Amino acid sequence: MTAAAARGRGRPRREEAAGTRARILTAAREEFSERGYDKTSVRGIAKAAGVDSALVHHYFGTKEQMFEAAIEAAVAPVLDAPDALAGAGPSDTGERLTRYFFGVWENPATRTPLLAIVRSAVNNEAAAAVFRRMVVSQLLRRIAGGLDVPDRELRAELAAAQLVGCAMLRYVIKVEPLASADLERIVARVAPVVQGHLTGP
């Protein structure tokens, strides 16, 4: 048996593995971004990455697991929002969180993959479950953990609902005048509402 056969069909050498995995991940992000969850297939990802589909399964498992790995880096800036609140006083938490959240959406480099993720999550339950799991475990629980008020988890979810709802209308559905409104004007309007959810009576 040759060394290549021993590794299995399409398997790269150990020293090539990291680069192959990264190439598959890049292809997956592009496929999910362009086609959405439903129209993306493991075979399509493999073709775009120039590998056998068995290799995609080897590294990432199911399509759902592939989607989770692909979006992890894309949603990382949003999931880092609790870090942006470090050192914030109780009275400016809402503005700090609102400004950070919209800053991520205003950046074209982070907005494009986020749009693809939100569209996939809206149209497919499997994609929604992945997105929900990441947001709840890595974002909302961390924000709630930093609050010293009753109903911390509910407050964090209401604040997130306010921000995500505004993002959907501004960046996904593009409802006017919100879609073209000045960002500072939006922050001035939304931040006090987010603050009320987080720390209000």
Protein backbone atom coordinates (compact mmCIF):
# COMPACT_ATOMS: atom_id res chain seq x y z
CA MET A 1 0.00 0.00 0.00
CA THR A 2 1.37 3.44 -0.89
CA ALA A 3 1.69 6.28 1.61
CA ALA A 4 -1.02 8.21 -0.22
CA ALA A 5 -3.39 5.22 -0.01
CA ALA A 6 -2.66 4.84 3.68
CA ARG A 7 -3.70 8.44 4.25
CA GLY A 8 -7.02 7.84 2.53
CA ARG A 9 -8.48 9.27 -0.64
CA GLY A 10 -7.86 12.99 -0.97
CA ARG A 11 -6.18 13.31 2.42
CA PRO A 12 -3.26 15.76 2.45
CA ARG A 13 0.04 15.16 4.19
CA ARG A 14 0.26 16.33 7.77
CA GLU A 15 2.23 19.43 6.80
CA GLU A 16 -0.41 20.34 4.21
CA ALA A 17 -3.39 19.79 6.51
CA ALA A 18 -3.54 23.28 8.04
CA GLY A 19 -3.46 24.98 4.65
CA THR A 20 -6.07 22.62 3.22
CA ARG A 21 -8.41 23.19 6.16
CA ALA A 22 -8.04 26.96 5.81
CA ARG A 23 -8.76 26.73 2.06
CA ILE A 24 -11.94 24.73 2.70
CA LEU A 25 -13.04 27.26 5.33
CA THR A 26 -12.49 30.17 2.96
CA ALA A 27 -14.44 28.41 0.21
CA ALA A 28 -17.26 27.65 2.64
CA ARG A 29 -17.57 31.28 3.71
CA GLU A 30 -17.74 32.39 0.09
CA GLU A 31 -20.30 29.72 -0.85
CA PHE A 32 -22.57 30.43 2.13
CA SER A 33 -22.23 34.17 1.52
CA GLU A 34 -23.11 33.95 -2.18
CA ARG A 35 -25.69 31.14 -2.12
CA GLY A 36 -27.13 31.07 1.40
CA TYR A 37 -27.44 27.96 3.54
CA ASP A 38 -30.07 26.08 1.52
CA LYS A 39 -28.30 26.37 -1.84
CA THR A 40 -24.83 25.58 -0.52
CA SER A 41 -23.69 21.97 -0.58
CA VAL A 42 -20.67 20.14 0.79
CA ARG A 43 -19.89 19.06 -2.77
CA GLY A 44 -19.97 22.69 -3.92
CA ILE A 45 -17.65 23.75 -1.10
CA ALA A 46 -15.27 20.91 -1.97
CA LYS A 47 -15.24 21.90 -5.65
CA ALA A 48 -14.55 25.55 -4.80
CA ALA A 49 -11.71 24.50 -2.49
CA GLY A 50 -10.29 22.05 -5.03
CA VAL A 51 -10.58 19.01 -2.74
CA ASP A 52 -12.62 15.82 -2.47
CA SER A 53 -15.94 16.18 -0.62
CA ALA A 54 -14.84 13.40 1.74
CA LEU A 55 -12.11 15.72 2.95
CA VAL A 56 -14.64 18.40 3.85
CA HIS A 57 -16.52 15.85 5.97
CA HIS A 58 -13.23 14.71 7.50
CA TYR A 59 -12.34 18.18 8.76
CA PHE A 60 -15.77 19.64 9.53
CA GLY A 61 -18.38 16.88 9.69
CA THR A 62 -21.91 17.80 8.60
CA LYS A 63 -23.06 20.77 6.57
CA GLU A 64 -24.41 22.34 9.78
CA GLN A 65 -21.01 21.97 11.45
CA MET A 66 -19.36 23.42 8.35
CA PHE A 67 -21.70 26.42 8.52
CA GLU A 68 -20.89 26.98 12.21
CA ALA A 69 -17.15 26.89 11.53
CA ALA A 70 -17.54 29.21 8.54
CA ILE A 71 -19.54 31.87 10.36
CA GLU A 72 -17.54 31.81 13.59
CA ALA A 73 -14.93 34.24 12.29
CA ALA A 74 -17.56 36.40 10.61
CA VAL A 75 -19.61 36.90 13.79
CA ALA A 76 -16.54 37.23 16.03
CA PRO A 77 -16.66 41.07 15.98
CA VAL A 78 -20.27 41.00 17.22
CA LEU A 79 -19.47 38.38 19.84
CA ASP A 80 -16.68 40.64 21.10
CA ALA A 81 -19.23 43.30 22.07
CA PRO A 82 -19.02 42.47 25.82
CA ASP A 83 -15.31 43.30 25.68
CA ALA A 84 -16.22 46.76 24.38
CA LEU A 85 -18.20 47.31 27.58
CA ALA A 86 -15.16 46.78 29.81
CA GLY A 87 -14.74 49.84 32.00
CA ALA A 88 -18.11 51.31 31.01
CA GLY A 89 -20.07 52.93 33.81
CA PRO A 90 -23.68 51.88 34.46
CA SER A 91 -24.98 55.03 32.76
CA ASP A 92 -23.07 54.69 29.47
CA THR A 93 -23.37 50.94 28.86
CA GLY A 94 -26.23 51.42 26.40
CA GLU A 95 -24.38 53.96 24.27
CA ARG A 96 -21.15 51.95 24.31
CA LEU A 97 -22.93 48.76 23.19
CA THR A 98 -25.05 50.53 20.57
CA ARG A 99 -22.09 52.35 19.07
CA TYR A 100 -19.99 49.19 18.95
CA PHE A 101 -22.80 47.10 17.40
CA PHE A 102 -23.55 49.58 14.62
CA GLY A 103 -19.83 50.13 14.05
CA VAL A 104 -19.51 46.44 13.13
CA TRP A 105 -22.43 46.72 10.69
CA GLU A 106 -21.13 49.96 9.16
CA ASN A 107 -17.82 48.32 8.24
CA PRO A 108 -18.21 46.72 4.76
CA ALA A 109 -15.65 44.03 5.62
CA THR A 110 -17.79 42.72 8.47
CA ARG A 111 -21.21 43.70 7.10
CA THR A 112 -21.08 41.46 4.00
CA PRO A 113 -20.62 38.13 5.82
CA LEU A 114 -23.08 39.20 8.52
CA LEU A 115 -25.73 39.86 5.88
CA ALA A 116 -25.22 36.35 4.48
CA ILE A 117 -25.51 34.82 7.94
CA VAL A 118 -28.67 36.71 8.84
CA ARG A 119 -30.31 35.81 5.53
CA SER A 120 -29.42 32.14 6.00
CA ALA A 121 -30.70 32.18 9.59
CA VAL A 122 -34.00 33.76 8.55
CA ASN A 123 -34.62 31.24 5.76
CA ASN A 124 -33.37 27.99 7.30
CA GLU A 125 -33.98 26.50 10.75
CA ALA A 126 -30.66 24.61 10.85
CA ALA A 127 -28.76 27.82 10.12
CA ALA A 128 -30.94 29.68 12.64
CA ALA A 129 -30.15 27.10 15.32
CA VAL A 130 -26.41 27.52 14.79
CA PHE A 131 -26.66 31.31 14.85
CA ARG A 132 -28.92 31.25 17.91
CA ARG A 133 -26.60 28.91 19.79
CA MET A 134 -23.56 31.10 19.14
CA VAL A 135 -25.32 34.35 20.00
CA VAL A 136 -26.91 33.04 23.19
CA SER A 137 -23.86 31.26 24.56
CA GLN A 138 -21.15 33.71 23.51
CA LEU A 139 -22.90 37.09 23.50
CA LEU A 140 -26.09 37.37 25.52
CA ARG A 141 -24.91 35.36 28.52
CA ARG A 142 -21.72 37.41 28.72
CA ILE A 143 -23.63 40.69 28.59
CA ALA A 144 -26.12 39.42 31.16
CA GLY A 145 -23.26 38.32 33.41
CA GLY A 146 -22.02 41.90 33.59
CA LEU A 147 -25.36 43.29 34.80
CA ASP A 148 -26.16 43.79 38.47
CA VAL A 149 -29.96 43.93 38.10
CA PRO A 150 -32.92 41.53 38.29
CA ASP A 151 -33.92 39.59 35.13
CA ARG A 152 -30.44 39.96 33.64
CA GLU A 153 -30.92 37.47 30.80
CA LEU A 154 -34.26 38.96 29.74
CA ARG A 155 -32.76 42.46 29.79
CA ALA A 156 -29.82 41.35 27.62
CA GLU A 157 -32.18 39.68 25.14
CA LEU A 158 -34.40 42.77 24.92
CA ALA A 159 -31.36 44.98 24.29
CA ALA A 160 -30.18 42.57 21.59
CA ALA A 161 -33.65 42.50 20.03
CA GLN A 162 -33.62 46.29 19.82
CA LEU A 163 -30.23 46.34 18.11
CA VAL A 164 -30.81 43.38 15.79
CA GLY A 165 -34.22 44.72 14.78
CA CYS A 166 -32.70 48.07 13.83
CA ALA A 167 -29.91 46.33 11.92
CA MET A 168 -32.43 44.21 9.99
CA LEU A 169 -34.40 47.30 8.93
CA ARG A 170 -31.33 49.40 8.11
CA TYR A 171 -29.00 46.90 6.44
CA VAL A 172 -31.11 43.92 5.29
CA ILE A 173 -34.57 45.28 4.41
CA LYS A 174 -33.24 48.84 3.90
CA VAL A 175 -36.31 50.69 5.09
CA GLU A 176 -36.12 54.45 4.59
CA PRO A 177 -35.41 56.84 6.21
CA LEU A 178 -33.61 54.51 8.64
CA ALA A 179 -31.42 52.98 5.89
CA SER A 180 -29.81 56.30 4.97
CA ALA A 181 -30.03 58.11 8.32
CA ASP A 182 -26.85 59.47 9.86
CA LEU A 183 -25.31 56.94 12.24
CA GLU A 184 -24.92 59.45 15.07
CA ARG A 185 -28.61 60.25 14.87
CA ILE A 186 -29.45 56.54 15.14
CA VAL A 187 -27.13 56.04 18.11
CA ALA A 188 -28.67 59.05 19.85
CA ARG A 189 -32.15 57.56 19.45
CA VAL A 190 -31.42 53.88 20.09
CA ALA A 191 -28.83 54.02 22.87
CA PRO A 192 -31.21 55.34 25.56
CA VAL A 193 -33.66 52.51 24.75
CA VAL A 194 -30.88 49.90 25.01
CA GLN A 195 -29.76 51.55 28.26
CA GLY A 196 -33.30 51.27 29.59
CA HIS A 197 -33.42 47.57 28.82
CA LEU A 198 -30.07 46.92 30.49
CA THR A 199 -30.26 49.03 33.64
CA GLY A 200 -33.65 50.71 33.83
CA PRO A 201 -36.24 50.03 36.56
